[in-house]
Amino acid sequence: MLLALLFQIGLGSCAPRETPVSVANAPSITRVVAAMGTECTVQVVAPDRATALSASEAALDAIARAEARLSNWDPESELERWIAGASTASPALRSDLDAFTPFVAATEGAFDPRALDGDPRTVDSGGWGKGRALDLAAAAAIEQGAGGVAFSFGGQVLIAGEGLVRAIELADPRDRSRAVVRVEPSGPAARSTDARSTGASTSGQSERPGHLRDPRTPAVARAPFDGTVTVLCSTALAADALSTGYFVLGPDRALELGESEPGVEVLVIELVGDRLRVRGTSGLAGRCAALVTDLDLADGLAKDR
């Protein structure tokens, strides 16, 4: 199953919001745990409560195993031991490392966690680790029998499966508590390969100073613009990596690359004077709604009322 993920990145680290889940007559459970230095909430919908519980355990176990492999903060993580030369990469870690590699070229080198310290063996998992964990967790839950699963994970949201697809509200780059635009998961112009799944995630400089670095230069990247870049695509890892690189490249190039990349949509929120301007790729036509009066949607983005 392909998972479509909406990922937002920018200076304000503006966490997206989900509209409430509504799945008639389907047993569901919600669990909250600490993972990867933040809070993870998972909601699972399944044919029965026992299956929902089992699927949630599988999802959380997948996240825990990803953290054990990929943490840069734990010197005993598999990734840190591999970086130090103390161990060889297991098949799982090698799969993790191989998974992000295609997005280096896809972002023209603006995303490259291998180059941040000038050492090709050094890998920063901060720009892709949560995305990788979300993909693995969603797949594990569905394999265990979940009909649908929704994650809220340190500002990132992923929804997969049947019955849980809903609109996402994106925040003002200046104020993460203020929702300014709603994006529908599908629409008449949608180019996504699977309208059953959508998600949102956000990250930014205010969340982790120096996190948004341009690996093509030795210095910490100066923000290319005041705003955010949102990516809609087929996996959490892809969206994580692409949005990081696209933000570094700036809004115009982000939109150009998103338009040319199959299965990818990009939404840019820019602060222009005292107003917000929203632009997007063609697949987002008719899928956006302004939630505030100081926001201007580019022609074609607005959803018909």
C-alpha atoms as a PDB file:
ATOM      1  CA  MET A   1       0.000   0.000   0.000  1.00  0.00           C
ATOM      2  CA  LEU A   2       1.259   3.455  -0.853  1.00  0.00           C
ATOM      3  CA  LEU A   3       1.023   6.052   1.891  1.00  0.00           C
ATOM      4  CA  ALA A   4       0.567   9.670   0.918  1.00  0.00           C
ATOM      5  CA  LEU A   5       2.234  12.023   3.336  1.00  0.00           C
ATOM      6  CA  LEU A   6       1.831  15.754   3.686  1.00  0.00           C
ATOM      7  CA  PHE A   7       4.998  17.181   5.178  1.00  0.00           C
ATOM      8  CA  GLN A   8       5.528  20.818   6.084  1.00  0.00           C
ATOM      9  CA  ILE A   9       8.835  22.446   6.890  1.00  0.00           C
ATOM     10  CA  GLY A  10       9.849  26.014   7.548  1.00  0.00           C
ATOM     11  CA  LEU A  11      11.035  28.630   9.972  1.00  0.00           C
ATOM     12  CA  GLY A  12       7.999  28.542  12.213  1.00  0.00           C
ATOM     13  CA  SER A  13       7.932  24.774  12.650  1.00  0.00           C
ATOM     14  CA  CYS A  14       4.184  25.095  12.286  1.00  0.00           C
ATOM     15  CA  ALA A  15       2.586  21.877  13.385  1.00  0.00           C
ATOM     16  CA  PRO A  16      -0.351  20.824  11.222  1.00  0.00           C
ATOM     17  CA  ARG A  17      -3.679  19.821  12.710  1.00  0.00           C
ATOM     18  CA  GLU A  18      -5.936  16.943  11.861  1.00  0.00           C
ATOM     19  CA  THR A  19      -9.691  17.117  11.580  1.00  0.00           C
ATOM     20  CA  PRO A  20     -11.377  14.592  13.909  1.00  0.00           C
ATOM     21  CA  VAL A  21     -11.481  10.943  12.928  1.00  0.00           C
ATOM     22  CA  SER A  22     -14.920   9.506  12.264  1.00  0.00           C
ATOM     23  CA  VAL A  23     -15.187   5.803  11.501  1.00  0.00           C
ATOM     24  CA  ALA A  24     -18.678   4.497  12.157  1.00  0.00           C
ATOM     25  CA  ASN A  25     -18.985   1.299  14.224  1.00  0.00           C
ATOM     26  CA  ALA A  26     -15.274   0.484  14.003  1.00  0.00           C
ATOM     27  CA  PRO A  27     -13.464  -0.387  17.257  1.00  0.00           C
ATOM     28  CA  SER A  28     -10.476   1.856  17.849  1.00  0.00           C
ATOM     29  CA  ILE A  29      -7.871   2.553  20.479  1.00  0.00           C
ATOM     30  CA  THR A  30      -5.577   5.513  21.072  1.00  0.00           C
ATOM     31  CA  ARG A  31      -2.215   5.263  22.795  1.00  0.00           C
ATOM     32  CA  VAL A  32       0.380   7.879  23.755  1.00  0.00           C
ATOM     33  CA  VAL A  33       4.041   7.039  24.340  1.00  0.00           C
ATOM     34  CA  ALA A  34       7.414   8.791  24.483  1.00  0.00           C
ATOM     35  CA  ALA A  35       9.573   8.060  21.418  1.00  0.00           C
ATOM     36  CA  MET A  36      12.515   9.681  19.622  1.00  0.00           C
ATOM     37  CA  GLY A  37      12.664  12.481  22.159  1.00  0.00           C
ATOM     38  CA  THR A  38       9.059  13.538  21.723  1.00  0.00           C
ATOM     39  CA  GLU A  39       5.474  12.324  22.144  1.00  0.00           C
ATOM     40  CA  CYS A  40       3.863   9.850  19.785  1.00  0.00           C
ATOM     41  CA  THR A  41       0.104   9.319  19.640  1.00  0.00           C
ATOM     42  CA  VAL A  42      -1.247   6.420  17.597  1.00  0.00           C
ATOM     43  CA  GLN A  43      -4.889   5.706  16.837  1.00  0.00           C
ATOM     44  CA  VAL A  44      -5.769   2.338  15.324  1.00  0.00           C
ATOM     45  CA  VAL A  45      -9.086   1.287  13.804  1.00  0.00           C
ATOM     46  CA  ALA A  46      -9.621  -2.455  13.324  1.00  0.00           C
ATOM     47  CA  PRO A  47     -12.383  -5.043  13.018  1.00  0.00           C
ATOM     48  CA  ASP A  48     -12.210  -5.725  16.760  1.00  0.00           C
ATOM     49  CA  ARG A  49     -10.516  -4.331  19.848  1.00  0.00           C
ATOM     50  CA  ALA A  50      -8.045  -7.197  20.161  1.00  0.00           C
ATOM     51  CA  THR A  51      -6.809  -6.620  16.622  1.00  0.00           C
ATOM     52  CA  ALA A  52      -6.586  -2.875  17.239  1.00  0.00           C
ATOM     53  CA  LEU A  53      -4.470  -3.477  20.340  1.00  0.00           C
ATOM     54  CA  SER A  54      -2.201  -5.929  18.539  1.00  0.00           C
ATOM     55  CA  ALA A  55      -1.761  -3.537  15.601  1.00  0.00           C
ATOM     56  CA  SER A  56      -0.904  -0.647  17.913  1.00  0.00           C
ATOM     57  CA  GLU A  57       1.730  -2.797  19.638  1.00  0.00           C
ATOM     58  CA  ALA A  58       3.236  -3.644  16.249  1.00  0.00           C
ATOM     59  CA  ALA A  59       3.348   0.026  15.263  1.00  0.00           C
ATOM     60  CA  LEU A  60       4.959   1.180  18.494  1.00  0.00           C
ATOM     61  CA  ASP A  61       7.449  -1.684  18.389  1.00  0.00           C
ATOM     62  CA  ALA A  62       8.455  -0.641  14.860  1.00  0.00           C
ATOM     63  CA  ILE A  63       9.070   2.921  16.095  1.00  0.00           C
ATOM     64  CA  ALA A  64      11.111   1.677  19.070  1.00  0.00           C
ATOM     65  CA  ARG A  65      13.264  -0.488  16.829  1.00  0.00           C
ATOM     66  CA  ALA A  66      13.800   2.395  14.403  1.00  0.00           C
ATOM     67  CA  GLU A  67      14.870   4.633  17.281  1.00  0.00           C
ATOM     68  CA  ALA A  68      17.314   1.993  18.533  1.00  0.00           C
ATOM     69  CA  ARG A  69      18.894   1.876  15.101  1.00  0.00           C
ATOM     70  CA  LEU A  70      18.828   5.536  14.072  1.00  0.00           C
ATOM     71  CA  SER A  71      19.301   7.734  17.139  1.00  0.00           C
ATOM     72  CA  ASN A  72      22.160  10.236  16.925  1.00  0.00           C
ATOM     73  CA  TRP A  73      21.771  10.977  20.633  1.00  0.00           C
ATOM     74  CA  ASP A  74      22.427   7.461  21.922  1.00  0.00           C
ATOM     75  CA  PRO A  75      26.073   6.429  21.485  1.00  0.00           C
ATOM     76  CA  GLU A  76      24.942   2.790  21.666  1.00  0.00           C
ATOM     77  CA  SER A  77      22.465   3.088  18.788  1.00  0.00           C
ATOM     78  CA  GLU A  78      23.316   0.962  15.795  1.00  0.00           C
ATOM     79  CA  LEU A  79      23.812   4.041  13.615  1.00  0.00           C
ATOM     80  CA  GLU A  80      26.239   5.692  16.048  1.00  0.00           C
ATOM     81  CA  ARG A  81      28.186   2.467  16.509  1.00  0.00           C
ATOM     82  CA  TRP A  82      28.425   2.083  12.720  1.00  0.00           C
ATOM     83  CA  ILE A  83      29.589   5.713  12.371  1.00  0.00           C
ATOM     84  CA  ALA A  84      32.267   5.068  15.008  1.00  0.00           C
ATOM     85  CA  GLY A  85      33.409   1.960  13.160  1.00  0.00           C
ATOM     86  CA  ALA A  86      32.477  -0.277  16.066  1.00  0.00           C
ATOM     87  CA  SER A  87      30.063  -2.444  14.087  1.00  0.00           C
ATOM     88  CA  THR A  88      28.920  -3.269  10.588  1.00  0.00           C
ATOM     89  CA  ALA A  89      25.498  -2.227   9.371  1.00  0.00           C
ATOM     90  CA  SER A  90      22.756  -4.806   9.847  1.00  0.00           C
ATOM     91  CA  PRO A  91      20.378  -5.467   6.937  1.00  0.00           C
ATOM     92  CA  ALA A  92      17.778  -3.254   8.627  1.00  0.00           C
ATOM     93  CA  LEU A  93      20.182  -0.334   9.041  1.00  0.00           C
ATOM     94  CA  ARG A  94      21.493  -0.771   5.505  1.00  0.00           C
ATOM     95  CA  SER A  95      17.886  -0.624   4.279  1.00  0.00           C
ATOM     96  CA  ASP A  96      17.364   2.588   6.283  1.00  0.00           C
ATOM     97  CA  LEU A  97      20.467   4.192   4.788  1.00  0.00           C
ATOM     98  CA  ASP A  98      19.625   3.099   1.257  1.00  0.00           C
ATOM     99  CA  ALA A  99      16.082   4.447   1.610  1.00  0.00           C
ATOM    100  CA  PHE A 100      17.066   8.139   1.865  1.00  0.00           C
ATOM    101  CA  THR A 101      19.797   8.098  -0.783  1.00  0.00           C
ATOM    102  CA  PRO A 102      17.587   8.809  -3.862  1.00  0.00           C
ATOM    103  CA  PHE A 103      16.409  12.094  -2.351  1.00  0.00           C
ATOM    104  CA  VAL A 104      19.889  13.602  -2.380  1.00  0.00           C
ATOM    105  CA  ALA A 105      19.753  13.855  -6.174  1.00  0.00           C
ATOM    106  CA  ALA A 106      16.028  14.672  -6.149  1.00  0.00           C
ATOM    107  CA  THR A 107      16.763  17.824  -4.115  1.00  0.00           C
ATOM    108  CA  GLU A 108      19.877  18.773  -6.087  1.00  0.00           C
ATOM    109  CA  GLY A 109      21.973  18.032  -3.011  1.00  0.00           C
ATOM    110  CA  ALA A 110      20.037  20.399  -0.740  1.00  0.00           C
ATOM    111  CA  PHE A 111      19.133  17.369   1.367  1.00  0.00           C
ATOM    112  CA  ASP A 112      22.113  15.170   2.197  1.00  0.00           C
ATOM    113  CA  PRO A 113      22.453  13.959   5.793  1.00  0.00           C
ATOM    114  CA  ARG A 114      25.801  12.357   4.964  1.00  0.00           C
ATOM    115  CA  ALA A 115      27.597  15.609   4.200  1.00  0.00           C
ATOM    116  CA  LEU A 116      26.729  17.813   7.168  1.00  0.00           C
ATOM    117  CA  ASP A 117      30.065  17.296   8.934  1.00  0.00           C
ATOM    118  CA  GLY A 118      32.218  16.758   5.873  1.00  0.00           C
ATOM    119  CA  ASP A 119      32.596  13.080   6.704  1.00  0.00           C
ATOM    120  CA  PRO A 120      30.794  10.708   4.297  1.00  0.00           C
ATOM    121  CA  ARG A 121      30.393   8.126   7.070  1.00  0.00           C
ATOM    122  CA  THR A 122      28.639  10.608   9.366  1.00  0.00           C
ATOM    123  CA  VAL A 123      24.855  10.459   8.959  1.00  0.00           C
ATOM    124  CA  ASP A 124      22.400  12.827  10.651  1.00  0.00           C
ATOM    125  CA  SER A 125      19.050  11.062  11.029  1.00  0.00           C
ATOM    126  CA  GLY A 126      17.257  14.243  12.111  1.00  0.00           C
ATOM    127  CA  GLY A 127      15.923  15.068   8.637  1.00  0.00           C
ATOM    128  CA  TRP A 128      14.564  11.619   7.786  1.00  0.00           C
ATOM    129  CA  GLY A 129      14.534   9.306  10.819  1.00  0.00           C
ATOM    130  CA  LYS A 130      10.999  10.051  11.984  1.00  0.00           C
ATOM    131  CA  GLY A 131       9.702   9.715   8.455  1.00  0.00           C
ATOM    132  CA  ARG A 132      11.350   6.311   8.147  1.00  0.00           C
ATOM    133  CA  ALA A 133       9.929   5.234  11.520  1.00  0.00           C
ATOM    134  CA  LEU A 134       6.415   6.339  10.514  1.00  0.00           C
ATOM    135  CA  ASP A 135       6.512   4.355   7.281  1.00  0.00           C
ATOM    136  CA  LEU A 136       7.629   1.228   9.110  1.00  0.00           C
ATOM    137  CA  ALA A 137       5.088   1.703  11.901  1.00  0.00           C
ATOM    138  CA  ALA A 138       2.134   2.203   9.565  1.00  0.00           C
ATOM    139  CA  ALA A 139       3.109  -0.845   7.510  1.00  0.00           C
ATOM    140  CA  ALA A 140       3.456  -2.943  10.669  1.00  0.00           C
ATOM    141  CA  ALA A 141       0.030  -1.905  11.973  1.00  0.00           C
ATOM    142  CA  ILE A 142      -1.737  -2.660   8.704  1.00  0.00           C
ATOM    143  CA  GLU A 143       0.073  -5.988   8.356  1.00  0.00           C
ATOM    144  CA  GLN A 144      -1.207  -6.841  11.841  1.00  0.00           C
ATOM    145  CA  GLY A 145      -4.811  -6.286  10.742  1.00  0.00           C
ATOM    146  CA  ALA A 146      -5.500  -2.572  11.277  1.00  0.00           C
ATOM    147  CA  GLY A 147      -8.036  -1.099   8.887  1.00  0.00           C
ATOM    148  CA  GLY A 148      -6.630   2.364   9.432  1.00  0.00           C
ATOM    149  CA  VAL A 149      -3.967   4.015  11.551  1.00  0.00           C
ATOM    150  CA  ALA A 150      -3.188   7.638  12.427  1.00  0.00           C
ATOM    151  CA  PHE A 151      -0.018   8.972  14.028  1.00  0.00           C
ATOM    152  CA  SER A 152       0.804  12.310  15.616  1.00  0.00           C
ATOM    153  CA  PHE A 153       4.526  12.271  16.201  1.00  0.00           C
ATOM    154  CA  GLY A 154       6.367  15.349  17.409  1.00  0.00           C
ATOM    155  CA  GLY A 155       4.579  17.658  14.990  1.00  0.00           C
ATOM    156  CA  GLN A 156       4.323  15.044  12.255  1.00  0.00           C
ATOM    157  CA  VAL A 157       1.087  13.360  11.254  1.00  0.00           C
ATOM    158  CA  LEU A 158       0.608  10.243   9.160  1.00  0.00           C
ATOM    159  CA  ILE A 159      -2.737   8.649   8.298  1.00  0.00           C
ATOM    160  CA  ALA A 160      -2.907   5.353   6.419  1.00  0.00           C
ATOM    161  CA  GLY A 161      -5.528   2.806   5.474  1.00  0.00           C
ATOM    162  CA  GLU A 162      -9.279   2.979   5.087  1.00  0.00           C
ATOM    163  CA  GLY A 163     -11.666   5.416   6.733  1.00  0.00           C
ATOM    164  CA  LEU A 164      -9.137   7.782   8.304  1.00  0.00           C
ATOM    165  CA  VAL A 165      -8.418  10.163   5.436  1.00  0.00           C
ATOM    166  CA  ARG A 166      -9.271  13.771   6.323  1.00  0.00           C
ATOM    167  CA  ALA A 167      -8.306  17.340   5.672  1.00  0.00           C
ATOM    168  CA  ILE A 168      -5.145  18.841   7.189  1.00  0.00           C
ATOM    169  CA  GLU A 169      -4.933  22.351   8.587  1.00  0.00           C
ATOM    170  CA  LEU A 170      -1.585  24.129   8.195  1.00  0.00           C
ATOM    171  CA  ALA A 171      -0.373  26.830  10.519  1.00  0.00           C
ATOM    172  CA  ASP A 172       0.816  30.391  10.210  1.00  0.00           C
ATOM    173  CA  PRO A 173       4.647  30.414   9.919  1.00  0.00           C
ATOM    174  CA  ARG A 174       4.669  33.123  12.594  1.00  0.00           C
ATOM    175  CA  ASP A 175       2.284  31.422  15.022  1.00  0.00           C
ATOM    176  CA  ARG A 176       2.024  27.644  15.112  1.00  0.00           C
ATOM    177  CA  SER A 177      -1.235  27.796  17.106  1.00  0.00           C
ATOM    178  CA  ARG A 178      -3.026  29.643  14.288  1.00  0.00           C
ATOM    179  CA  ALA A 179      -4.430  27.511  11.459  1.00  0.00           C
ATOM    180  CA  VAL A 180      -4.471  29.452   8.195  1.00  0.00           C
ATOM    181  CA  VAL A 181      -5.205  27.021   5.349  1.00  0.00           C
ATOM    182  CA  ARG A 182      -6.945  23.662   4.997  1.00  0.00           C
ATOM    183  CA  VAL A 183      -5.769  21.108   2.432  1.00  0.00           C
ATOM    184  CA  GLU A 184      -8.085  18.324   1.290  1.00  0.00           C
ATOM    185  CA  PRO A 185      -6.447  14.896   0.897  1.00  0.00           C
ATOM    186  CA  SER A 186      -7.790  14.501  -2.632  1.00  0.00           C
ATOM    187  CA  GLY A 187      -9.529  16.470  -5.354  1.00  0.00           C
ATOM    188  CA  PRO A 188     -10.286  16.647  -9.064  1.00  0.00           C
ATOM    189  CA  ALA A 189      -6.687  17.522  -9.979  1.00  0.00           C
ATOM    190  CA  ALA A 190      -4.971  15.205  -7.504  1.00  0.00           C
ATOM    191  CA  ARG A 191      -1.974  13.317  -8.885  1.00  0.00           C
ATOM    192  CA  SER A 192      -1.525  11.110  -5.805  1.00  0.00           C
ATOM    193  CA  THR A 193      -1.557   7.380  -6.478  1.00  0.00           C
ATOM    194  CA  ASP A 194      -3.583   6.513  -3.363  1.00  0.00           C
ATOM    195  CA  ALA A 195      -6.329   8.829  -2.123  1.00  0.00           C
ATOM    196  CA  ARG A 196      -7.000   6.545   0.864  1.00  0.00           C
ATOM    197  CA  SER A 197      -4.030   7.876   2.806  1.00  0.00           C
ATOM    198  CA  THR A 198      -2.679  11.276   3.733  1.00  0.00           C
ATOM    199  CA  GLY A 199      -0.648  12.861   6.471  1.00  0.00           C
ATOM    200  CA  ALA A 200       1.176  15.943   7.630  1.00  0.00           C
ATOM    201  CA  SER A 201       4.464  16.689   9.295  1.00  0.00           C
ATOM    202  CA  THR A 202       6.409  19.796  10.173  1.00  0.00           C
ATOM    203  CA  SER A 203       9.897  20.813  11.215  1.00  0.00           C
ATOM    204  CA  GLY A 204      11.853  24.034  11.278  1.00  0.00           C
ATOM    205  CA  GLN A 205      14.695  26.160  12.547  1.00  0.00           C
ATOM    206  CA  SER A 206      12.861  27.277  15.671  1.00  0.00           C
ATOM    207  CA  GLU A 207      12.455  23.643  16.686  1.00  0.00           C
ATOM    208  CA  ARG A 208      16.144  22.800  16.335  1.00  0.00           C
ATOM    209  CA  PRO A 209      18.548  25.678  15.602  1.00  0.00           C
ATOM    210  CA  GLY A 210      20.831  24.839  12.716  1.00  0.00           C
ATOM    211  CA  HIS A 211      18.736  21.849  11.687  1.00  0.00           C
ATOM    212  CA  LEU A 212      17.959  23.277   8.241  1.00  0.00           C
ATOM    213  CA  ARG A 213      21.470  23.334   6.830  1.00  0.00           C
ATOM    214  CA  ASP A 214      22.578  23.464   3.250  1.00  0.00           C
ATOM    215  CA  PRO A 215      24.930  20.482   2.875  1.00  0.00           C
ATOM    216  CA  ARG A 216      26.421  22.078  -0.239  1.00  0.00           C
ATOM    217  CA  THR A 217      28.025  24.797   1.916  1.00  0.00           C
ATOM    218  CA  PRO A 218      29.963  24.564   5.195  1.00  0.00           C
ATOM    219  CA  ALA A 219      27.804  27.128   6.977  1.00  0.00           C
ATOM    220  CA  VAL A 220      24.367  26.776   8.523  1.00  0.00           C
ATOM    221  CA  ALA A 221      21.847  27.679   5.842  1.00  0.00           C
ATOM    222  CA  ARG A 222      20.311  31.101   6.031  1.00  0.00           C
ATOM    223  CA  ALA A 223      16.557  30.854   5.640  1.00  0.00           C
ATOM    224  CA  PRO A 224      15.776  31.382   1.944  1.00  0.00           C
ATOM    225  CA  PHE A 225      12.410  32.956   2.747  1.00  0.00           C
ATOM    226  CA  ASP A 226       9.924  33.620   5.549  1.00  0.00           C
ATOM    227  CA  GLY A 227       7.467  30.786   5.332  1.00  0.00           C
ATOM    228  CA  THR A 228       7.032  27.050   4.974  1.00  0.00           C
ATOM    229  CA  VAL A 229       7.189  24.341   2.332  1.00  0.00           C
ATOM    230  CA  THR A 230       4.669  21.506   2.454  1.00  0.00           C
ATOM    231  CA  VAL A 231       5.093  18.287   0.490  1.00  0.00           C
ATOM    232  CA  LEU A 232       2.462  15.691  -0.363  1.00  0.00           C
ATOM    233  CA  CYS A 233       3.925  12.395  -1.588  1.00  0.00           C
ATOM    234  CA  SER A 234       3.873   8.633  -1.331  1.00  0.00           C
ATOM    235  CA  THR A 235       5.921   7.920   1.831  1.00  0.00           C
ATOM    236  CA  ALA A 236       6.787   9.664   5.059  1.00  0.00           C
ATOM    237  CA  LEU A 237      10.510   9.341   4.397  1.00  0.00           C
ATOM    238  CA  ALA A 238      10.187  10.866   0.929  1.00  0.00           C
ATOM    239  CA  ALA A 239       8.146  13.776   2.230  1.00  0.00           C
ATOM    240  CA  ASP A 240      10.560  14.347   5.113  1.00  0.00           C
ATOM    241  CA  ALA A 241      13.594  14.437   2.851  1.00  0.00           C
ATOM    242  CA  LEU A 242      12.016  16.359  -0.020  1.00  0.00           C
ATOM    243  CA  SER A 243      10.535  19.084   2.159  1.00  0.00           C
ATOM    244  CA  THR A 244      13.872  19.617   3.893  1.00  0.00           C
ATOM    245  CA  GLY A 245      15.695  19.990   0.596  1.00  0.00           C
ATOM    246  CA  TYR A 246      12.947  22.015  -1.053  1.00  0.00           C
ATOM    247  CA  PHE A 247      12.933  24.539   1.791  1.00  0.00           C
ATOM    248  CA  VAL A 248      16.691  25.030   1.459  1.00  0.00           C
ATOM    249  CA  LEU A 249      16.275  25.539  -2.306  1.00  0.00           C
ATOM    250  CA  GLY A 250      13.625  28.212  -1.812  1.00  0.00           C
ATOM    251  CA  PRO A 251       9.963  28.473  -2.813  1.00  0.00           C
ATOM    252  CA  ASP A 252      10.287  28.929  -6.576  1.00  0.00           C
ATOM    253  CA  ARG A 253      12.593  25.980  -7.103  1.00  0.00           C
ATOM    254  CA  ALA A 254      10.550  23.894  -4.663  1.00  0.00           C
ATOM    255  CA  LEU A 255       7.449  24.416  -6.788  1.00  0.00           C
ATOM    256  CA  GLU A 256       9.339  23.682 -10.008  1.00  0.00           C
ATOM    257  CA  LEU A 257      10.755  20.419  -8.699  1.00  0.00           C
ATOM    258  CA  GLY A 258       7.462  19.369  -7.138  1.00  0.00           C
ATOM    259  CA  GLU A 259       5.648  19.933 -10.426  1.00  0.00           C
ATOM    260  CA  SER A 260       8.142  17.749 -12.285  1.00  0.00           C
ATOM    261  CA  GLU A 261       8.294  14.930  -9.730  1.00  0.00           C
ATOM    262  CA  PRO A 262       5.692  12.169 -10.276  1.00  0.00           C
ATOM    263  CA  GLY A 263       3.344  11.724  -7.333  1.00  0.00           C
ATOM    264  CA  VAL A 264       4.599  14.827  -5.493  1.00  0.00           C
ATOM    265  CA  GLU A 265       2.702  18.009  -4.664  1.00  0.00           C
ATOM    266  CA  VAL A 266       4.154  21.116  -3.014  1.00  0.00           C
ATOM    267  CA  LEU A 267       2.429  23.929  -1.127  1.00  0.00           C
ATOM    268  CA  VAL A 268       4.348  27.089  -0.208  1.00  0.00           C
ATOM    269  CA  ILE A 269       3.185  29.579   2.438  1.00  0.00           C
ATOM    270  CA  GLU A 270       5.123  32.856   2.254  1.00  0.00           C
ATOM    271  CA  LEU A 271       5.000  35.950   4.427  1.00  0.00           C
ATOM    272  CA  VAL A 272       4.705  38.952   2.087  1.00  0.00           C
ATOM    273  CA  GLY A 273       4.468  42.179   4.058  1.00  0.00           C
ATOM    274  CA  ASP A 274       1.735  41.578   6.615  1.00  0.00           C
ATOM    275  CA  ARG A 275      -0.091  38.986   4.510  1.00  0.00           C
ATOM    276  CA  LEU A 276       0.396  35.325   3.731  1.00  0.00           C
ATOM    277  CA  ARG A 277       0.641  34.121   0.130  1.00  0.00           C
ATOM    278  CA  VAL A 278      -0.021  30.482  -0.750  1.00  0.00           C
ATOM    279  CA  ARG A 279       1.164  28.848  -3.963  1.00  0.00           C
ATOM    280  CA  GLY A 280       1.004  25.204  -4.970  1.00  0.00           C
ATOM    281  CA  THR A 281       1.605  22.645  -7.687  1.00  0.00           C
ATOM    282  CA  SER A 282      -1.128  21.784 -10.162  1.00  0.00           C
ATOM    283  CA  GLY A 283      -2.350  18.685  -8.337  1.00  0.00           C
ATOM    284  CA  LEU A 284      -3.497  20.858  -5.423  1.00  0.00           C
ATOM    285  CA  ALA A 285      -6.003  22.768  -7.575  1.00  0.00           C
ATOM    286  CA  GLY A 286      -9.389  22.936  -5.893  1.00  0.00           C
ATOM    287  CA  ARG A 287      -8.118  21.372  -2.671  1.00  0.00           C
ATOM    288  CA  CYS A 288      -7.298  24.380  -0.465  1.00  0.00           C
ATOM    289  CA  ALA A 289      -9.415  26.687   1.677  1.00  0.00           C
ATOM    290  CA  ALA A 290      -8.276  29.875   3.406  1.00  0.00           C
ATOM    291  CA  LEU A 291      -9.142  29.918   7.116  1.00  0.00           C
ATOM    292  CA  VAL A 292      -8.109  33.529   7.788  1.00  0.00           C
ATOM    293  CA  THR A 293      -8.662  36.854   6.030  1.00  0.00           C
ATOM    294  CA  ASP A 294      -4.979  37.819   5.755  1.00  0.00           C
ATOM    295  CA  LEU A 295      -4.150  34.948   3.392  1.00  0.00           C
ATOM    296  CA  ASP A 296      -4.196  34.962  -0.408  1.00  0.00           C
ATOM    297  CA  LEU A 297      -4.539  31.704  -2.329  1.00  0.00           C
ATOM    298  CA  ALA A 298      -2.997  31.557  -5.787  1.00  0.00           C
ATOM    299  CA  ASP A 299      -5.463  31.192  -8.648  1.00  0.00           C
ATOM    300  CA  GLY A 300      -6.905  27.703  -8.928  1.00  0.00           C
ATOM    301  CA  LEU A 301      -6.039  26.443  -5.453  1.00  0.00           C
ATOM    302  CA  ALA A 302      -9.311  27.370  -3.769  1.00  0.00           C
ATOM    303  CA  LYS A 303     -11.857  24.645  -3.201  1.00  0.00           C
ATOM    304  CA  ASP A 304     -15.290  25.364  -4.657  1.00  0.00           C
ATOM    305  CA  ARG A 305     -17.753  26.151  -1.914  1.00  0.00           C
END
